[in-house]
PDB file of N, CA and C in Angstrom:
ATOM      1  N   MET A   1     210.424  79.514 163.514  1.00  0.00           N
ATOM      2  CA  MET A   1     211.070  80.766 163.802  1.00  0.00           C
ATOM      3  C   MET A   1     211.710  81.299 162.517  1.00  0.00           C
ATOM      4  N   ARG A   2     211.519  82.558 162.257  1.00  0.00           N
ATOM      5  CA  ARG A   2     212.003  83.177 161.033  1.00  0.00           C
ATOM      6  C   ARG A   2     213.283  83.963 161.294  1.00  0.00           C
ATOM      7  N   LYS A   3     214.250  83.788 160.402  1.00  0.00           N
ATOM      8  CA  LYS A   3     215.498  84.537 160.540  1.00  0.00           C
ATOM      9  C   LYS A   3     215.284  85.965 160.079  1.00  0.00           C
ATOM     10  N   LYS A   4     216.022  86.873 160.668  1.00  0.00           N
ATOM     11  CA  LYS A   4     215.859  88.285 160.348  1.00  0.00           C
ATOM     12  C   LYS A   4     216.614  88.689 159.084  1.00  0.00           C
ATOM     13  N   ASN A   5     217.567  87.894 158.663  1.00  0.00           N
ATOM     14  CA  ASN A   5     218.345  88.268 157.492  1.00  0.00           C
ATOM     15  C   ASN A   5     217.917  87.475 156.252  1.00  0.00           C
ATOM     16  N   THR A   6     216.645  87.317 156.051  1.00  0.00           N
ATOM     17  CA  THR A   6     216.143  86.586 154.892  1.00  0.00           C
ATOM     18  C   THR A   6     216.230  87.460 153.646  1.00  0.00           C
ATOM     19  N   GLU A   7     216.417  86.802 152.510  1.00  0.00           N
ATOM     20  CA  GLU A   7     216.507  87.497 151.232  1.00  0.00           C
ATOM     21  C   GLU A   7     215.601  86.785 150.234  1.00  0.00           C
ATOM     22  N   LEU A   8     215.197  87.516 149.231  1.00  0.00           N
ATOM     23  CA  LEU A   8     214.410  86.914 148.169  1.00  0.00           C
ATOM     24  C   LEU A   8     215.287  85.972 147.353  1.00  0.00           C
ATOM     25  N   LEU A   9     214.712  84.873 146.914  1.00  0.00           N
ATOM     26  CA  LEU A   9     215.459  83.903 146.127  1.00  0.00           C
ATOM     27  C   LEU A   9     215.970  84.534 144.829  1.00  0.00           C
ATOM     28  N   SER A  10     215.176  85.376 144.196  1.00  0.00           N
ATOM     29  CA  SER A  10     215.601  86.023 142.946  1.00  0.00           C
ATOM     30  C   SER A  10     216.832  86.898 143.165  1.00  0.00           C
ATOM     31  N   ASP A  11     216.903  87.578 144.313  1.00  0.00           N
ATOM     32  CA  ASP A  11     218.079  88.398 144.622  1.00  0.00           C
ATOM     33  C   ASP A  11     219.320  87.539 144.836  1.00  0.00           C
ATOM     34  N   VAL A  12     219.134  86.406 145.494  1.00  0.00           N
ATOM     35  CA  VAL A  12     220.256  85.503 145.744  1.00  0.00           C
ATOM     36  C   VAL A  12     220.769  84.926 144.424  1.00  0.00           C
ATOM     37  N   ILE A  13     219.856  84.549 143.537  1.00  0.00           N
ATOM     38  CA  ILE A  13     220.257  84.001 142.236  1.00  0.00           C
ATOM     39  C   ILE A  13     221.005  85.047 141.430  1.00  0.00           C
ATOM     40  N   ARG A  14     220.509  86.281 141.398  1.00  0.00           N
ATOM     41  CA  ARG A  14     221.203  87.356 140.683  1.00  0.00           C
ATOM     42  C   ARG A  14     222.609  87.573 141.238  1.00  0.00           C
ATOM     43  N   GLN A  15     222.730  87.533 142.558  1.00  0.00           N
ATOM     44  CA  GLN A  15     224.028  87.736 143.197  1.00  0.00           C
ATOM     45  C   GLN A  15     224.997  86.605 142.835  1.00  0.00           C
ATOM     46  N   VAL A  16     224.526  85.374 142.849  1.00  0.00           N
ATOM     47  CA  VAL A  16     225.382  84.242 142.500  1.00  0.00           C
ATOM     48  C   VAL A  16     225.812  84.328 141.035  1.00  0.00           C
ATOM     49  N   LEU A  17     224.882  84.669 140.142  1.00  0.00           N
ATOM     50  CA  LEU A  17     225.220  84.826 138.731  1.00  0.00           C
ATOM     51  C   LEU A  17     226.275  85.914 138.536  1.00  0.00           C
ATOM     52  N   ARG A  18     226.115  87.019 139.239  1.00  0.00           N
ATOM     53  CA  ARG A  18     227.067  88.122 139.137  1.00  0.00           C
ATOM     54  C   ARG A  18     228.440  87.700 139.657  1.00  0.00           C
ATOM     55  N   GLU A  19     228.469  87.011 140.796  1.00  0.00           N
ATOM     56  CA  GLU A  19     229.737  86.589 141.391  1.00  0.00           C
ATOM     57  C   GLU A  19     230.468  85.570 140.512  1.00  0.00           C
ATOM     58  N   GLN A  20     229.728  84.721 139.834  1.00  0.00           N
ATOM     59  CA  GLN A  20     230.316  83.700 138.972  1.00  0.00           C
ATOM     60  C   GLN A  20     230.528  84.202 137.536  1.00  0.00           C
ATOM     61  N   HIS A  21     230.246  85.486 137.302  1.00  0.00           N
ATOM     62  CA  HIS A  21     230.390  86.120 135.988  1.00  0.00           C
ATOM     63  C   HIS A  21     229.549  85.417 134.927  1.00  0.00           C
ATOM     64  N   LEU A  22     228.357  84.995 135.311  1.00  0.00           N
ATOM     65  CA  LEU A  22     227.445  84.334 134.383  1.00  0.00           C
ATOM     66  C   LEU A  22     226.302  85.241 133.952  1.00  0.00           C
ATOM     67  N   ASP A  23     226.201  86.418 134.534  1.00  0.00           N
ATOM     68  CA  ASP A  23     225.088  87.298 134.190  1.00  0.00           C
ATOM     69  C   ASP A  23     225.209  87.843 132.773  1.00  0.00           C
ATOM     70  N   GLN A  24     226.413  88.163 132.307  1.00  0.00           N
ATOM     71  CA  GLN A  24     226.582  88.695 130.958  1.00  0.00           C
ATOM     72  C   GLN A  24     226.254  87.645 129.886  1.00  0.00           C
ATOM     73  N   PRO A  25     226.774  86.415 129.974  1.00  0.00           N
ATOM     74  CA  PRO A  25     226.381  85.413 128.970  1.00  0.00           C
ATOM     75  C   PRO A  25     224.879  85.126 128.970  1.00  0.00           C
ATOM     76  N   LEU A  26     224.267  85.146 130.134  1.00  0.00           N
ATOM     77  CA  LEU A  26     222.829  84.922 130.218  1.00  0.00           C
ATOM     78  C   LEU A  26     222.066  86.058 129.535  1.00  0.00           C
ATOM     79  N   ASN A  27     222.480  87.292 129.761  1.00  0.00           N
ATOM     80  CA  ASN A  27     221.840  88.432 129.105  1.00  0.00           C
ATOM     81  C   ASN A  27     222.060  88.405 127.597  1.00  0.00           C
ATOM     82  N   GLU A  28     223.230  87.955 127.154  1.00  0.00           N
ATOM     83  CA  GLU A  28     223.484  87.844 125.716  1.00  0.00           C
ATOM     84  C   GLU A  28     222.544  86.822 125.080  1.00  0.00           C
ATOM     85  N   LYS A  29     222.342  85.711 125.749  1.00  0.00           N
ATOM     86  CA  LYS A  29     221.409  84.682 125.253  1.00  0.00           C
ATOM     87  C   LYS A  29     219.995  85.236 125.204  1.00  0.00           C
ATOM     88  N   ARG A  30     219.604  85.974 126.224  1.00  0.00           N
ATOM     89  CA  ARG A  30     218.271  86.580 126.242  1.00  0.00           C
ATOM     90  C   ARG A  30     218.099  87.567 125.093  1.00  0.00           C
ATOM     91  N   LEU A  31     219.152  88.323 124.789  1.00  0.00           N
ATOM     92  CA  LEU A  31     219.076  89.300 123.708  1.00  0.00           C
ATOM     93  C   LEU A  31     218.918  88.603 122.357  1.00  0.00           C
ATOM     94  N   VAL A  32     219.673  87.559 122.121  1.00  0.00           N
ATOM     95  CA  VAL A  32     219.550  86.812 120.862  1.00  0.00           C
ATOM     96  C   VAL A  32     218.151  86.199 120.755  1.00  0.00           C
ATOM     97  N   ASP A  33     217.632  85.700 121.863  1.00  0.00           N
ATOM     98  CA  ASP A  33     216.276  85.146 121.869  1.00  0.00           C
ATOM     99  C   ASP A  33     215.212  86.218 121.650  1.00  0.00           C
ATOM    100  N   ALA A  34     215.526  87.463 122.009  1.00  0.00           N
ATOM    101  CA  ALA A  34     214.563  88.564 121.849  1.00  0.00           C
ATOM    102  C   ALA A  34     214.526  89.099 120.415  1.00  0.00           C
ATOM    103  N   TRP A  35     215.501  88.747 119.592  1.00  0.00           N
ATOM    104  CA  TRP A  35     215.573  89.248 118.208  1.00  0.00           C
ATOM    105  C   TRP A  35     214.256  89.041 117.445  1.00  0.00           C
ATOM    106  N   PRO A  36     213.668  87.830 117.427  1.00  0.00           N
ATOM    107  CA  PRO A  36     212.399  87.655 116.697  1.00  0.00           C
ATOM    108  C   PRO A  36     211.239  88.449 117.308  1.00  0.00           C
ATOM    109  N   LEU A  37     211.254  88.626 118.608  1.00  0.00           N
ATOM    110  CA  LEU A  37     210.177  89.377 119.258  1.00  0.00           C
ATOM    111  C   LEU A  37     210.223  90.852 118.881  1.00  0.00           C
ATOM    112  N   VAL A  38     211.423  91.404 118.797  1.00  0.00           N
ATOM    113  CA  VAL A  38     211.590  92.829 118.520  1.00  0.00           C
ATOM    114  C   VAL A  38     211.412  93.124 117.032  1.00  0.00           C
ATOM    115  N   LEU A  39     211.955  92.266 116.163  1.00  0.00           N
ATOM    116  CA  LEU A  39     211.942  92.566 114.727  1.00  0.00           C
ATOM    117  C   LEU A  39     210.793  91.933 113.968  1.00  0.00           C
ATOM    118  N   GLY A  40     210.237  90.852 114.447  1.00  0.00           N
ATOM    119  CA  GLY A  40     209.113  90.228 113.772  1.00  0.00           C
ATOM    120  C   GLY A  40     209.537  89.134 112.806  1.00  0.00           C
ATOM    121  N   LYS A  41     208.551  88.306 112.406  1.00  0.00           N
ATOM    122  CA  LYS A  41     208.807  87.136 111.574  1.00  0.00           C
ATOM    123  C   LYS A  41     209.304  87.497 110.180  1.00  0.00           C
ATOM    124  N   ASN A  42     208.786  88.567 109.598  1.00  0.00           N
ATOM    125  CA  ASN A  42     209.169  88.926 108.230  1.00  0.00           C
ATOM    126  C   ASN A  42     210.655  89.232 108.112  1.00  0.00           C
ATOM    127  N   ILE A  43     211.214  89.922 109.072  1.00  0.00           N
ATOM    128  CA  ILE A  43     212.631  90.270 109.022  1.00  0.00           C
ATOM    129  C   ILE A  43     213.491  89.087 109.451  1.00  0.00           C
ATOM    130  N   VAL A  44     213.034  88.322 110.420  1.00  0.00           N
ATOM    131  CA  VAL A  44     213.811  87.205 110.949  1.00  0.00           C
ATOM    132  C   VAL A  44     214.107  86.174 109.862  1.00  0.00           C
ATOM    133  N   GLN A  45     213.211  86.016 108.902  1.00  0.00           N
ATOM    134  CA  GLN A  45     213.447  85.014 107.861  1.00  0.00           C
ATOM    135  C   GLN A  45     214.641  85.368 106.968  1.00  0.00           C
ATOM    136  N   TYR A  46     215.087  86.625 106.982  1.00  0.00           N
ATOM    137  CA  TYR A  46     216.243  87.048 106.199  1.00  0.00           C
ATOM    138  C   TYR A  46     217.518  87.156 107.041  1.00  0.00           C
ATOM    139  N   THR A  47     217.431  86.817 108.315  1.00  0.00           N
ATOM    140  CA  THR A  47     218.596  86.937 109.201  1.00  0.00           C
ATOM    141  C   THR A  47     219.060  85.565 109.660  1.00  0.00           C
ATOM    142  N   SER A  48     220.346  85.491 109.950  1.00  0.00           N
ATOM    143  CA  SER A  48     220.909  84.257 110.498  1.00  0.00           C
ATOM    144  C   SER A  48     222.203  84.598 111.232  1.00  0.00           C
ATOM    145  N   ASP A  49     222.729  83.617 111.911  1.00  0.00           N
ATOM    146  CA  ASP A  49     224.028  83.739 112.584  1.00  0.00           C
ATOM    147  C   ASP A  49     224.147  84.987 113.452  1.00  0.00           C
ATOM    148  N   LEU A  50     223.266  85.113 114.422  1.00  0.00           N
ATOM    149  CA  LEU A  50     223.381  86.201 115.395  1.00  0.00           C
ATOM    150  C   LEU A  50     224.430  85.815 116.426  1.00  0.00           C
ATOM    151  N   SER A  51     225.370  86.712 116.657  1.00  0.00           N
ATOM    152  CA  SER A  51     226.384  86.464 117.677  1.00  0.00           C
ATOM    153  C   SER A  51     226.776  87.791 118.317  1.00  0.00           C
ATOM    154  N   ILE A  52     227.254  87.692 119.540  1.00  0.00           N
ATOM    155  CA  ILE A  52     227.674  88.881 120.282  1.00  0.00           C
ATOM    156  C   ILE A  52     229.124  88.687 120.690  1.00  0.00           C
ATOM    157  N   LYS A  53     229.931  89.700 120.382  1.00  0.00           N
ATOM    158  CA  LYS A  53     231.336  89.681 120.777  1.00  0.00           C
ATOM    159  C   LYS A  53     231.724  91.099 121.161  1.00  0.00           C
ATOM    160  N   ASN A  54     232.282  91.246 122.355  1.00  0.00           N
ATOM    161  CA  ASN A  54     232.697  92.557 122.870  1.00  0.00           C
ATOM    162  C   ASN A  54     231.556  93.572 122.827  1.00  0.00           C
ATOM    163  N   ARG A  55     230.382  93.130 123.233  1.00  0.00           N
ATOM    164  CA  ARG A  55     229.180  93.966 123.331  1.00  0.00           C
ATOM    165  C   ARG A  55     228.694  94.491 121.973  1.00  0.00           C
ATOM    166  N   VAL A  56     229.071  93.808 120.892  1.00  0.00           N
ATOM    167  CA  VAL A  56     228.613  94.156 119.550  1.00  0.00           C
ATOM    168  C   VAL A  56     227.835  92.964 119.002  1.00  0.00           C
ATOM    169  N   LEU A  57     226.624  93.229 118.510  1.00  0.00           N
ATOM    170  CA  LEU A  57     225.788  92.198 117.912  1.00  0.00           C
ATOM    171  C   LEU A  57     226.097  92.123 116.422  1.00  0.00           C
ATOM    172  N   TYR A  58     226.453  90.932 115.957  1.00  0.00           N
ATOM    173  CA  TYR A  58     226.717  90.695 114.547  1.00  0.00           C
ATOM    174  C   TYR A  58     225.553  89.903 113.966  1.00  0.00           C
ATOM    175  N   VAL A  59     224.999  90.402 112.848  1.00  0.00           N
ATOM    176  CA  VAL A  59     223.842  89.771 112.226  1.00  0.00           C
ATOM    177  C   VAL A  59     224.138  89.568 110.746  1.00  0.00           C
ATOM    178  N   SER A  60     223.976  88.336 110.266  1.00  0.00           N
ATOM    179  CA  SER A  60     224.129  88.047 108.845  1.00  0.00           C
ATOM    180  C   SER A  60     222.765  88.165 108.180  1.00  0.00           C
ATOM    181  N   LEU A  61     222.738  88.846 107.029  1.00  0.00           N
ATOM    182  CA  LEU A  61     221.497  89.070 106.297  1.00  0.00           C
ATOM    183  C   LEU A  61     221.620  88.535 104.873  1.00  0.00           C
ATOM    184  N   THR A  62     220.501  88.077 104.322  1.00  0.00           N
ATOM    185  CA  THR A  62     220.496  87.581 102.951  1.00  0.00           C
ATOM    186  C   THR A  62     219.981  88.619 101.963  1.00  0.00           C
ATOM    187  N   SER A  63     219.547  89.772 102.447  1.00  0.00           N
ATOM    188  CA  SER A  63     218.998  90.818 101.580  1.00  0.00           C
ATOM    189  C   SER A  63     219.777  92.117 101.791  1.00  0.00           C
ATOM    190  N   SER A  64     220.349  92.629 100.705  1.00  0.00           N
ATOM    191  CA  SER A  64     221.104  93.879 100.809  1.00  0.00           C
ATOM    192  C   SER A  64     220.181  95.070 101.053  1.00  0.00           C
ATOM    193  N   VAL A  65     218.963  95.020 100.527  1.00  0.00           N
ATOM    194  CA  VAL A  65     218.003  96.107 100.748  1.00  0.00           C
ATOM    195  C   VAL A  65     217.614  96.160 102.222  1.00  0.00           C
ATOM    196  N   LEU A  66     217.351  94.998 102.792  1.00  0.00           N
ATOM    197  CA  LEU A  66     217.010  94.930 104.215  1.00  0.00           C
ATOM    198  C   LEU A  66     218.205  95.358 105.071  1.00  0.00           C
ATOM    199  N   ARG A  67     219.408  94.990 104.666  1.00  0.00           N
ATOM    200  CA  ARG A  67     220.612  95.398 105.400  1.00  0.00           C
ATOM    201  C   ARG A  67     220.685  96.917 105.491  1.00  0.00           C
ATOM    202  N   HIS A  68     220.406  97.584 104.401  1.00  0.00           N
ATOM    203  CA  HIS A  68     220.444  99.046 104.395  1.00  0.00           C
ATOM    204  C   HIS A  68     219.364  99.631 105.315  1.00  0.00           C
ATOM    205  N   ASP A  69     218.153  99.097 105.225  1.00  0.00           N
ATOM    206  CA  ASP A  69     217.057  99.589 106.072  1.00  0.00           C
ATOM    207  C   ASP A  69     217.355  99.377 107.556  1.00  0.00           C
ATOM    208  N   LEU A  70     217.867  98.213 107.897  1.00  0.00           N
ATOM    209  CA  LEU A  70     218.185  97.935 109.302  1.00  0.00           C
ATOM    210  C   LEU A  70     219.362  98.781 109.778  1.00  0.00           C
ATOM    211  N   PHE A  71     220.304  99.035 108.875  1.00  0.00           N
ATOM    212  CA  PHE A  71     221.442  99.881 109.232  1.00  0.00           C
ATOM    213  C   PHE A  71     220.971 101.277 109.637  1.00  0.00           C
ATOM    214  N   LEU A  72     219.996 101.807 108.905  1.00  0.00           N
ATOM    215  CA  LEU A  72     219.486 103.143 109.202  1.00  0.00           C
ATOM    216  C   LEU A  72     218.745 103.201 110.536  1.00  0.00           C
ATOM    217  N   SER A  73     218.180 102.088 110.958  1.00  0.00           N
ATOM    218  CA  SER A  73     217.426 102.095 112.221  1.00  0.00           C
ATOM    219  C   SER A  73     218.098 101.256 113.305  1.00  0.00           C
ATOM    220  N   ARG A  74     219.415 101.084 113.215  1.00  0.00           N
ATOM    221  CA  ARG A  74     220.111 100.221 114.182  1.00  0.00           C
ATOM    222  C   ARG A  74     220.094 100.781 115.597  1.00  0.00           C
ATOM    223  N   GLU A  75     220.075 102.096 115.769  1.00  0.00           N
ATOM    224  CA  GLU A  75     220.026 102.667 117.125  1.00  0.00           C
ATOM    225  C   GLU A  75     218.702 102.313 117.807  1.00  0.00           C
ATOM    226  N   GLU A  76     217.607 102.407 117.072  1.00  0.00           N
ATOM    227  CA  GLU A  76     216.294 102.046 117.636  1.00  0.00           C
ATOM    228  C   GLU A  76     216.235 100.562 117.954  1.00  0.00           C
ATOM    229  N   ILE A  77     216.798  99.745 117.060  1.00  0.00           N
ATOM    230  CA  ILE A  77     216.809  98.293 117.287  1.00  0.00           C
ATOM    231  C   ILE A  77     217.638  97.975 118.524  1.00  0.00           C
ATOM    232  N   LYS A  78     218.793  98.605 118.642  1.00  0.00           N
ATOM    233  CA  LYS A  78     219.671  98.383 119.798  1.00  0.00           C
ATOM    234  C   LYS A  78     218.948  98.732 121.097  1.00  0.00           C
ATOM    235  N   LYS A  79     218.291  99.884 121.110  1.00  0.00           N
ATOM    236  CA  LYS A  79     217.564 100.298 122.317  1.00  0.00           C
ATOM    237  C   LYS A  79     216.439  99.327 122.649  1.00  0.00           C
ATOM    238  N   SER A  80     215.709  98.884 121.627  1.00  0.00           N
ATOM    239  CA  SER A  80     214.602  97.953 121.855  1.00  0.00           C
ATOM    240  C   SER A  80     215.083  96.607 122.380  1.00  0.00           C
ATOM    241  N   LEU A  81     216.180  96.110 121.828  1.00  0.00           N
ATOM    242  CA  LEU A  81     216.719  94.827 122.295  1.00  0.00           C
ATOM    243  C   LEU A  81     217.216  94.927 123.736  1.00  0.00           C
ATOM    244  N   ASN A  82     217.954  95.984 124.038  1.00  0.00           N
ATOM    245  CA  ASN A  82     218.443  96.167 125.407  1.00  0.00           C
ATOM    246  C   ASN A  82     217.285  96.333 126.381  1.00  0.00           C
ATOM    247  N   LYS A  83     216.246  97.037 125.959  1.00  0.00           N
ATOM    248  CA  LYS A  83     215.079  97.231 126.822  1.00  0.00           C
ATOM    249  C   LYS A  83     214.371  95.907 127.072  1.00  0.00           C
ATOM    250  N   GLN A  84     214.276  95.070 126.039  1.00  0.00           N
ATOM    251  CA  GLN A  84     213.626  93.763 126.168  1.00  0.00           C
ATOM    252  C   GLN A  84     214.354  92.892 127.188  1.00  0.00           C
ATOM    253  N   VAL A  85     215.687  92.982 127.212  1.00  0.00           N
ATOM    254  CA  VAL A  85     216.488  92.183 128.152  1.00  0.00           C
ATOM    255  C   VAL A  85     216.497  92.813 129.538  1.00  0.00           C
ATOM    256  N   GLY A  86     216.428  94.145 129.587  1.00  0.00           N
ATOM    257  CA  GLY A  86     216.452  94.826 130.872  1.00  0.00           C
ATOM    258  C   GLY A  86     217.845  95.224 131.316  1.00  0.00           C
ATOM    259  N   ALA A  87     218.790  95.203 130.391  1.00  0.00           N
ATOM    260  CA  ALA A  87     220.170  95.599 130.689  1.00  0.00           C
ATOM    261  C   ALA A  87     220.828  96.049 129.389  1.00  0.00           C
ATOM    262  N   GLU A  88     221.890  96.852 129.520  1.00  0.00           N
ATOM    263  CA  GLU A  88     222.610  97.275 128.324  1.00  0.00           C
ATOM    264  C   GLU A  88     223.620  96.189 127.957  1.00  0.00           C
ATOM    265  N   VAL A  89     223.186  95.310 127.084  1.00  0.00           N
ATOM    266  CA  VAL A  89     223.989  94.159 126.687  1.00  0.00           C
ATOM    267  C   VAL A  89     224.867  94.509 125.494  1.00  0.00           C
ATOM    268  N   ILE A  90     224.312  95.248 124.524  1.00  0.00           N
ATOM    269  CA  ILE A  90     225.069  95.599 123.327  1.00  0.00           C
ATOM    270  C   ILE A  90     225.171  97.117 123.204  1.00  0.00           C
ATOM    271  N   VAL A  91     226.256  97.556 122.557  1.00  0.00           N
ATOM    272  CA  VAL A  91     226.455  98.978 122.322  1.00  0.00           C
ATOM    273  C   VAL A  91     226.415  99.305 120.829  1.00  0.00           C
ATOM    274  N   ASP A  92     226.458  98.264 119.978  1.00  0.00           N
ATOM    275  CA  ASP A  92     226.422  98.488 118.543  1.00  0.00           C
ATOM    276  C   ASP A  92     225.914  97.228 117.845  1.00  0.00           C
ATOM    277  N   ILE A  93     225.462  97.398 116.599  1.00  0.00           N
ATOM    278  CA  ILE A  93     225.017  96.289 115.767  1.00  0.00           C
ATOM    279  C   ILE A  93     225.727  96.400 114.426  1.00  0.00           C
ATOM    280  N   ILE A  94     226.264  95.296 113.972  1.00  0.00           N
ATOM    281  CA  ILE A  94     226.908  95.257 112.653  1.00  0.00           C
ATOM    282  C   ILE A  94     226.148  94.255 111.797  1.00  0.00           C
ATOM    283  N   PHE A  95     225.667  94.729 110.659  1.00  0.00           N
ATOM    284  CA  PHE A  95     224.939  93.885 109.710  1.00  0.00           C
ATOM    285  C   PHE A  95     225.892  93.455 108.610  1.00  0.00           C
ATOM    286  N   ARG A  96     225.939  92.154 108.364  1.00  0.00           N
ATOM    287  CA  ARG A  96     226.841  91.611 107.340  1.00  0.00           C
ATOM    288  C   ARG A  96     226.049  91.143 106.147  1.00  0.00           C
TER     289      ARG A  96
END
């Protein structure tokens, strides 16, 4: 016999994550993991120490020329990263 109030397991998991306030840290981890997918191997080799604090992504770079180029396209990068995760995780990117 099937209950009438059945829910999808994915919906239940999302609800539990939201109630336990674990959805934001999970999305932040997904965003950091998406960095190589969005930017590619050539750029990733010059980046390190990605961290998110107060919805701002901090990225350390070893190339000042690359820092300038990424700074100019940070809005596109931000949109691409948020799109990859499926949620608005970050509102700004700071390159160090």
